[in-house]
Amino acid sequence: MCDTADKLNMISIEDMYNRAMAIKKCSVIYYDDLMNDKECAVWHTLSKTQKGLGVILPFNLMIARNGVDRRIVPSIKLNDDRIFIYPNR
């Protein structure tokens, strides 16, 4: 069995970021839309806390560090996994 750290290492935050940046039209997507099939399978085995601290928080920090927080906008609602993409910002 994989422990939590091994599972989280299977999900590439950088690849998710690159996939989000590649979207060229206004879109509403979910975090698992930015993952490949293997990553998506791991995502569905994680608890909400593991998803939040292990995937969502690092993804949001990467967005902020790269200054695209107005182009890629995660929902601020609790338990809402939507991401809004505005390519012209």
C-alpha atoms as a PDB file:
ATOM      1  CA  MET A   1       0.000   0.000   0.000  1.00  0.00           C
ATOM      2  CA  CYS A   2       1.100   3.543  -0.716  1.00  0.00           C
ATOM      3  CA  ASP A   3       1.191   6.034   2.088  1.00  0.00           C
ATOM      4  CA  THR A   4      -0.161   9.560   1.652  1.00  0.00           C
ATOM      5  CA  ALA A   5       3.180  11.117   0.671  1.00  0.00           C
ATOM      6  CA  ASP A   6       3.668   8.516  -2.070  1.00  0.00           C
ATOM      7  CA  LYS A   7       0.159   9.157  -3.383  1.00  0.00           C
ATOM      8  CA  LEU A   8       0.660  12.922  -3.411  1.00  0.00           C
ATOM      9  CA  ASN A   9       3.993  12.533  -5.227  1.00  0.00           C
ATOM     10  CA  MET A  10       2.105  10.749  -8.014  1.00  0.00           C
ATOM     11  CA  ILE A  11       0.207  13.978  -8.790  1.00  0.00           C
ATOM     12  CA  SER A  12       2.304  16.563 -10.620  1.00  0.00           C
ATOM     13  CA  ILE A  13       1.275  20.093  -9.608  1.00  0.00           C
ATOM     14  CA  GLU A  14       3.543  21.552 -12.293  1.00  0.00           C
ATOM     15  CA  ASP A  15       1.833  19.497 -15.023  1.00  0.00           C
ATOM     16  CA  MET A  16      -1.566  20.614 -13.722  1.00  0.00           C
ATOM     17  CA  TYR A  17      -0.406  24.235 -13.893  1.00  0.00           C
ATOM     18  CA  ASN A  18       0.897  23.776 -17.450  1.00  0.00           C
ATOM     19  CA  ARG A  19      -2.370  22.175 -18.560  1.00  0.00           C
ATOM     20  CA  ALA A  20      -4.354  25.063 -17.052  1.00  0.00           C
ATOM     21  CA  MET A  21      -2.127  27.609 -18.804  1.00  0.00           C
ATOM     22  CA  ALA A  22      -2.669  25.808 -22.123  1.00  0.00           C
ATOM     23  CA  ILE A  23      -6.446  26.367 -22.027  1.00  0.00           C
ATOM     24  CA  LYS A  24      -7.212  29.127 -24.528  1.00  0.00           C
ATOM     25  CA  LYS A  25     -10.936  29.741 -23.955  1.00  0.00           C
ATOM     26  CA  CYS A  26     -13.025  30.804 -20.974  1.00  0.00           C
ATOM     27  CA  SER A  27     -13.763  27.615 -19.080  1.00  0.00           C
ATOM     28  CA  VAL A  28     -14.986  26.182 -15.818  1.00  0.00           C
ATOM     29  CA  ILE A  29     -13.089  23.017 -14.962  1.00  0.00           C
ATOM     30  CA  TYR A  30     -12.333  20.842 -11.947  1.00  0.00           C
ATOM     31  CA  TYR A  31      -8.967  19.904 -10.463  1.00  0.00           C
ATOM     32  CA  ASP A  32      -9.204  16.370 -11.814  1.00  0.00           C
ATOM     33  CA  ASP A  33      -9.691  17.782 -15.336  1.00  0.00           C
ATOM     34  CA  LEU A  34      -6.051  18.893 -15.120  1.00  0.00           C
ATOM     35  CA  MET A  35      -4.815  15.389 -14.275  1.00  0.00           C
ATOM     36  CA  ASN A  36      -3.999  12.361 -16.375  1.00  0.00           C
ATOM     37  CA  ASP A  37      -5.865   9.093 -15.746  1.00  0.00           C
ATOM     38  CA  LYS A  38      -3.327   7.765 -13.245  1.00  0.00           C
ATOM     39  CA  GLU A  39      -3.309  11.024 -11.258  1.00  0.00           C
ATOM     40  CA  CYS A  40      -7.106  11.149 -11.359  1.00  0.00           C
ATOM     41  CA  ALA A  41      -7.323   7.646  -9.871  1.00  0.00           C
ATOM     42  CA  VAL A  42      -5.035   8.743  -7.021  1.00  0.00           C
ATOM     43  CA  TRP A  43      -7.061  11.971  -6.546  1.00  0.00           C
ATOM     44  CA  HIS A  44     -10.251   9.972  -5.952  1.00  0.00           C
ATOM     45  CA  THR A  45      -8.598   7.941  -3.165  1.00  0.00           C
ATOM     46  CA  LEU A  46      -7.512  11.017  -1.178  1.00  0.00           C
ATOM     47  CA  SER A  47      -9.478  12.503   1.713  1.00  0.00           C
ATOM     48  CA  LYS A  48     -10.635  16.137   1.559  1.00  0.00           C
ATOM     49  CA  THR A  49      -7.788  17.164   3.852  1.00  0.00           C
ATOM     50  CA  GLN A  50      -5.207  15.372   1.720  1.00  0.00           C
ATOM     51  CA  LYS A  51      -6.640  16.972  -1.425  1.00  0.00           C
ATOM     52  CA  GLY A  52      -6.660  20.412   0.170  1.00  0.00           C
ATOM     53  CA  LEU A  53      -3.200  20.395   1.707  1.00  0.00           C
ATOM     54  CA  GLY A  54      -1.445  18.134  -0.773  1.00  0.00           C
ATOM     55  CA  VAL A  55      -2.815  19.292  -4.130  1.00  0.00           C
ATOM     56  CA  ILE A  56      -5.108  22.330  -3.983  1.00  0.00           C
ATOM     57  CA  LEU A  57      -2.918  24.513  -1.739  1.00  0.00           C
ATOM     58  CA  PRO A  58       0.322  23.895  -3.698  1.00  0.00           C
ATOM     59  CA  PHE A  59      -1.545  24.496  -6.981  1.00  0.00           C
ATOM     60  CA  ASN A  60      -2.976  27.788  -5.683  1.00  0.00           C
ATOM     61  CA  LEU A  61       0.443  28.866  -4.397  1.00  0.00           C
ATOM     62  CA  MET A  62       1.976  28.142  -7.807  1.00  0.00           C
ATOM     63  CA  ILE A  63      -0.711  30.291  -9.448  1.00  0.00           C
ATOM     64  CA  ALA A  64       0.007  33.174  -7.065  1.00  0.00           C
ATOM     65  CA  ARG A  65       3.809  32.874  -7.377  1.00  0.00           C
ATOM     66  CA  ASN A  66       3.591  33.021 -11.168  1.00  0.00           C
ATOM     67  CA  GLY A  67       1.232  36.008 -11.135  1.00  0.00           C
ATOM     68  CA  VAL A  68      -1.602  34.351 -13.034  1.00  0.00           C
ATOM     69  CA  ASP A  69      -4.126  34.468 -10.188  1.00  0.00           C
ATOM     70  CA  ARG A  70      -6.493  36.550 -12.338  1.00  0.00           C
ATOM     71  CA  ARG A  71      -6.181  34.177 -15.301  1.00  0.00           C
ATOM     72  CA  ILE A  72      -6.637  30.933 -13.335  1.00  0.00           C
ATOM     73  CA  VAL A  73      -9.101  31.492 -10.497  1.00  0.00           C
ATOM     74  CA  PRO A  74      -9.935  28.658  -8.067  1.00  0.00           C
ATOM     75  CA  SER A  75     -13.354  28.867  -6.432  1.00  0.00           C
ATOM     76  CA  ILE A  76     -13.300  30.366  -2.954  1.00  0.00           C
ATOM     77  CA  LYS A  77     -16.326  28.394  -1.765  1.00  0.00           C
ATOM     78  CA  LEU A  78     -15.736  25.599   0.708  1.00  0.00           C
ATOM     79  CA  ASN A  79     -15.805  22.111  -0.867  1.00  0.00           C
ATOM     80  CA  ASP A  80     -16.017  23.601  -4.378  1.00  0.00           C
ATOM     81  CA  ASP A  81     -13.381  22.100  -6.678  1.00  0.00           C
ATOM     82  CA  ARG A  82     -14.097  24.396  -9.633  1.00  0.00           C
ATOM     83  CA  ILE A  83     -11.414  26.438 -11.366  1.00  0.00           C
ATOM     84  CA  PHE A  84     -12.339  29.348 -13.605  1.00  0.00           C
ATOM     85  CA  ILE A  85     -10.083  30.052 -16.595  1.00  0.00           C
ATOM     86  CA  TYR A  86      -9.999  33.544 -18.126  1.00  0.00           C
ATOM     87  CA  PRO A  87      -7.314  33.405 -20.860  1.00  0.00           C
ATOM     88  CA  ASN A  88      -7.400  37.113 -21.757  1.00  0.00           C
ATOM     89  CA  ARG A  89      -6.355  38.380 -18.329  1.00  0.00           C
END
